[in-house]
C-alpha atoms as a PDB file:
ATOM      1  CA  MET A   1      59.125-102.542 -90.581  1.00  0.00           C
ATOM      2  CA  GLY A   2      59.973-105.219 -88.056  1.00  0.00           C
ATOM      3  CA  THR A   3      57.697-108.053 -87.116  1.00  0.00           C
ATOM      4  CA  THR A   4      56.415-108.201 -83.574  1.00  0.00           C
ATOM      5  CA  ILE A   5      56.191-111.690 -82.140  1.00  0.00           C
ATOM      6  CA  HIS A   6      53.665-112.114 -79.373  1.00  0.00           C
ATOM      7  CA  PRO A   7      54.356-114.819 -76.812  1.00  0.00           C
ATOM      8  CA  SER A   8      51.988-117.778 -76.737  1.00  0.00           C
ATOM      9  CA  GLY A   9      49.749-118.418 -73.731  1.00  0.00           C
ATOM     10  CA  SER A  10      52.258-120.963 -72.440  1.00  0.00           C
ATOM     11  CA  THR A  11      55.125-118.515 -72.766  1.00  0.00           C
ATOM     12  CA  LYS A  12      53.090-115.854 -70.988  1.00  0.00           C
ATOM     13  CA  LYS A  13      52.431-118.267 -68.105  1.00  0.00           C
ATOM     14  CA  VAL A  14      56.139-118.988 -67.783  1.00  0.00           C
ATOM     15  CA  ILE A  15      57.045-115.295 -67.848  1.00  0.00           C
ATOM     16  CA  GLN A  16      54.380-114.217 -65.346  1.00  0.00           C
ATOM     17  CA  GLN A  17      54.946-117.060 -62.894  1.00  0.00           C
ATOM     18  CA  LYS A  18      58.697-116.466 -62.974  1.00  0.00           C
ATOM     19  CA  LYS A  19      58.296-112.680 -62.481  1.00  0.00           C
ATOM     20  CA  TYR A  20      55.961-113.265 -59.550  1.00  0.00           C
ATOM     21  CA  TRP A  21      58.346-115.787 -57.977  1.00  0.00           C
ATOM     22  CA  GLU A  22      61.281-113.383 -58.294  1.00  0.00           C
ATOM     23  CA  ARG A  23      59.259-110.495 -56.856  1.00  0.00           C
ATOM     24  CA  HIS A  24      57.511-112.313 -53.987  1.00  0.00           C
ATOM     25  CA  GLY A  25      59.521-115.475 -53.337  1.00  0.00           C
ATOM     26  CA  SER A  26      56.360-117.581 -53.600  1.00  0.00           C
ATOM     27  CA  SER A  27      54.301-119.081 -56.381  1.00  0.00           C
ATOM     28  CA  LEU A  28      51.627-117.000 -58.058  1.00  0.00           C
ATOM     29  CA  LEU A  29      49.069-119.828 -58.048  1.00  0.00           C
ATOM     30  CA  GLY A  30      49.861-120.733 -54.449  1.00  0.00           C
ATOM     31  CA  ASP A  31      49.176-117.179 -53.311  1.00  0.00           C
ATOM     32  CA  TYR A  32      46.077-117.003 -55.507  1.00  0.00           C
ATOM     33  CA  LEU A  33      44.798-120.234 -53.953  1.00  0.00           C
ATOM     34  CA  ASN A  34      45.278-118.773 -50.466  1.00  0.00           C
ATOM     35  CA  GLN A  35      43.126-115.778 -51.457  1.00  0.00           C
ATOM     36  CA  GLU A  36      40.413-118.040 -52.839  1.00  0.00           C
ATOM     37  CA  ALA A  37      40.421-120.122 -49.642  1.00  0.00           C
ATOM     38  CA  GLN A  38      39.693-116.971 -47.611  1.00  0.00           C
ATOM     39  CA  THR A  39      36.628-116.024 -49.667  1.00  0.00           C
ATOM     40  CA  ASP A  40      35.461-119.594 -50.438  1.00  0.00           C
ATOM     41  CA  GLN A  41      33.238-118.254 -53.237  1.00  0.00           C
ATOM     42  CA  ARG A  42      34.614-120.098 -56.264  1.00  0.00           C
ATOM     43  CA  ILE A  43      35.805-123.353 -54.708  1.00  0.00           C
ATOM     44  CA  VAL A  44      33.948-126.348 -56.126  1.00  0.00           C
ATOM     45  CA  LEU A  45      35.586-129.019 -53.952  1.00  0.00           C
ATOM     46  CA  GLU A  46      38.825-129.849 -52.207  1.00  0.00           C
ATOM     47  CA  ASN A  47      40.672-132.576 -50.370  1.00  0.00           C
ATOM     48  CA  ASP A  48      43.853-132.599 -48.291  1.00  0.00           C
ATOM     49  CA  THR A  49      46.152-131.545 -51.113  1.00  0.00           C
ATOM     50  CA  PHE A  50      44.106-130.219 -54.084  1.00  0.00           C
ATOM     51  CA  VAL A  51      41.433-127.604 -54.734  1.00  0.00           C
ATOM     52  CA  ALA A  52      39.055-127.537 -57.697  1.00  0.00           C
ATOM     53  CA  LEU A  53      37.731-124.049 -58.403  1.00  0.00           C
ATOM     54  CA  VAL A  54      36.394-121.650 -60.975  1.00  0.00           C
ATOM     55  CA  PRO A  55      39.141-119.047 -61.399  1.00  0.00           C
ATOM     56  CA  TYR A  56      38.019-115.428 -61.280  1.00  0.00           C
ATOM     57  CA  TRP A  57      39.435-114.936 -64.770  1.00  0.00           C
ATOM     58  CA  ALA A  58      37.291-117.725 -66.277  1.00  0.00           C
ATOM     59  CA  VAL A  59      35.940-116.741 -69.673  1.00  0.00           C
ATOM     60  CA  TRP A  60      33.881-119.795 -70.661  1.00  0.00           C
ATOM     61  CA  PRO A  61      30.872-121.354 -68.940  1.00  0.00           C
ATOM     62  CA  PHE A  62      32.009-124.294 -66.782  1.00  0.00           C
ATOM     63  CA  GLU A  63      35.704-123.377 -67.091  1.00  0.00           C
ATOM     64  CA  ALA A  64      37.586-124.576 -64.011  1.00  0.00           C
ATOM     65  CA  MET A  65      40.951-125.654 -62.685  1.00  0.00           C
ATOM     66  CA  ILE A  66      42.504-127.992 -60.146  1.00  0.00           C
ATOM     67  CA  VAL A  67      45.422-126.575 -58.165  1.00  0.00           C
ATOM     68  CA  LEU A  68      47.797-128.318 -55.797  1.00  0.00           C
ATOM     69  CA  LYS A  69      47.767-126.695 -52.346  1.00  0.00           C
ATOM     70  CA  LYS A  70      51.513-127.212 -51.905  1.00  0.00           C
ATOM     71  CA  HIS A  71      53.970-125.792 -54.358  1.00  0.00           C
ATOM     72  CA  ARG A  72      55.140-128.511 -56.731  1.00  0.00           C
ATOM     73  CA  ALA A  73      56.470-127.964 -60.245  1.00  0.00           C
ATOM     74  CA  SER A  74      55.264-131.181 -61.863  1.00  0.00           C
ATOM     75  CA  ILE A  75      53.488-134.484 -61.396  1.00  0.00           C
ATOM     76  CA  ALA A  76      56.904-136.114 -60.999  1.00  0.00           C
ATOM     77  CA  ASP A  77      57.318-134.123 -57.762  1.00  0.00           C
ATOM     78  CA  LEU A  78      54.142-135.475 -56.119  1.00  0.00           C
ATOM     79  CA  SER A  79      54.272-137.781 -53.122  1.00  0.00           C
ATOM     80  CA  ALA A  80      52.271-141.037 -53.113  1.00  0.00           C
ATOM     81  CA  LYS A  81      49.590-139.333 -50.965  1.00  0.00           C
ATOM     82  CA  GLU A  82      49.406-136.383 -53.377  1.00  0.00           C
ATOM     83  CA  VAL A  83      49.024-138.748 -56.363  1.00  0.00           C
ATOM     84  CA  ALA A  84      46.133-140.502 -54.590  1.00  0.00           C
ATOM     85  CA  ASP A  85      44.535-137.157 -53.695  1.00  0.00           C
ATOM     86  CA  TYR A  86      44.973-135.949 -57.277  1.00  0.00           C
ATOM     87  CA  ALA A  87      43.140-139.018 -58.583  1.00  0.00           C
ATOM     88  CA  ASP A  88      40.435-138.491 -55.946  1.00  0.00           C
ATOM     89  CA  VAL A  89      39.787-134.824 -56.736  1.00  0.00           C
ATOM     90  CA  LEU A  90      39.944-135.460 -60.474  1.00  0.00           C
ATOM     91  CA  LYS A  91      37.368-138.249 -60.240  1.00  0.00           C
ATOM     92  CA  LYS A  92      35.009-136.289 -57.984  1.00  0.00           C
ATOM     93  CA  PHE A  93      35.330-133.152 -60.087  1.00  0.00           C
ATOM     94  CA  THR A  94      34.630-134.871 -63.410  1.00  0.00           C
ATOM     95  CA  ILE A  95      31.651-136.678 -61.840  1.00  0.00           C
ATOM     96  CA  ARG A  96      30.269-133.241 -60.974  1.00  0.00           C
ATOM     97  CA  TYR A  97      30.592-132.263 -64.626  1.00  0.00           C
ATOM     98  CA  ASP A  98      28.683-135.444 -65.585  1.00  0.00           C
ATOM     99  CA  ASN A  99      25.973-134.805 -63.002  1.00  0.00           C
ATOM    100  CA  LEU A 100      25.476-131.241 -64.196  1.00  0.00           C
ATOM    101  CA  PHE A 101      23.490-132.379 -67.232  1.00  0.00           C
ATOM    102  CA  GLU A 102      22.889-135.980 -66.154  1.00  0.00           C
ATOM    103  CA  THR A 103      25.058-137.257 -68.986  1.00  0.00           C
ATOM    104  CA  SER A 104      28.708-137.886 -69.698  1.00  0.00           C
ATOM    105  CA  PHE A 105      30.050-134.326 -69.961  1.00  0.00           C
ATOM    106  CA  PRO A 106      32.751-133.757 -72.586  1.00  0.00           C
ATOM    107  CA  TYR A 107      35.532-131.303 -71.818  1.00  0.00           C
ATOM    108  CA  SER A 108      39.053-130.420 -72.807  1.00  0.00           C
ATOM    109  CA  ALA A 109      41.640-130.562 -70.060  1.00  0.00           C
ATOM    110  CA  GLY A 110      45.316-129.827 -69.800  1.00  0.00           C
ATOM    111  CA  ILE A 111      47.894-130.538 -67.128  1.00  0.00           C
ATOM    112  CA  HIS A 112      50.268-127.605 -66.825  1.00  0.00           C
ATOM    113  CA  GLN A 113      53.688-128.547 -65.476  1.00  0.00           C
ATOM    114  CA  ALA A 114      57.085-126.912 -65.318  1.00  0.00           C
ATOM    115  CA  PRO A 115      58.725-126.444 -68.693  1.00  0.00           C
ATOM    116  CA  THR A 116      61.206-129.250 -69.355  1.00  0.00           C
ATOM    117  CA  ASN A 117      63.520-127.085 -71.431  1.00  0.00           C
ATOM    118  CA  ARG A 118      64.606-124.967 -68.467  1.00  0.00           C
ATOM    119  CA  GLU A 119      67.095-125.803 -65.766  1.00  0.00           C
ATOM    120  CA  GLU A 120      65.491-123.598 -63.157  1.00  0.00           C
ATOM    121  CA  ASN A 121      61.753-123.946 -62.893  1.00  0.00           C
ATOM    122  CA  GLN A 122      61.088-123.721 -59.174  1.00  0.00           C
ATOM    123  CA  PHE A 123      58.679-120.851 -59.885  1.00  0.00           C
ATOM    124  CA  TRP A 124      56.201-123.125 -61.668  1.00  0.00           C
ATOM    125  CA  HIS A 125      53.075-124.355 -59.840  1.00  0.00           C
ATOM    126  CA  MET A 126      51.492-127.495 -61.303  1.00  0.00           C
ATOM    127  CA  HIS A 127      47.780-127.189 -62.121  1.00  0.00           C
ATOM    128  CA  MET A 128      45.123-128.553 -64.430  1.00  0.00           C
ATOM    129  CA  SER A 129      42.699-126.537 -66.565  1.00  0.00           C
ATOM    130  CA  PHE A 130      39.280-127.626 -67.797  1.00  0.00           C
ATOM    131  CA  TYR A 131      37.438-126.075 -70.705  1.00  0.00           C
ATOM    132  CA  PRO A 132      33.924-127.020 -71.841  1.00  0.00           C
ATOM    133  CA  PRO A 133      33.081-128.168 -75.360  1.00  0.00           C
ATOM    134  CA  LEU A 134      30.869-125.106 -75.743  1.00  0.00           C
ATOM    135  CA  LEU A 135      33.705-122.786 -76.715  1.00  0.00           C
ATOM    136  CA  GLY A 136      32.294-122.120 -80.162  1.00  0.00           C
ATOM    137  CA  SER A 137      28.770-121.461 -78.951  1.00  0.00           C
ATOM    138  CA  ALA A 138      29.437-119.539 -75.762  1.00  0.00           C
END
C-alpha cells in the first residue's frame, strides 16, 4: 500500500490561490474582499489600503484577518503609503482586541506572503491572520 501525503495548510493556500488566478486572472483574496465590501457584514475596520475583517470561514472566536485592498504578493511590494496604512490598521485592530476585555489581549498572528521558493508568484495576495489564545478551550 502506498502512503498518501496530504498537503499542509500553506501548500493548500498556494495551490488554491494559483488555481484561482489561472482560472479568473485575479487574486482569490482580492475578489473575496470585493464581495465582503458589498455586504459590509464582517468588516471590523478599514483604511485607504487595508481591511480588517472576520472571514466567513472563521472557526475560532475572535479569528480575523487583515487584507490588502490592492493585489500585492509580499510586504516587500508595498509602497511607503501602504506600509504606513498597514501599521495604522494593525495598531487600530490590535487595540480593538485589547479593548474587548479591557486588558492586553494575547493572540497568534501570521503574515502570509508569496512563497520565496517559486519564480512565479503573482497569484499570491499578501494578508495577515489572527487567531485567539482560546484555541484549546473553544
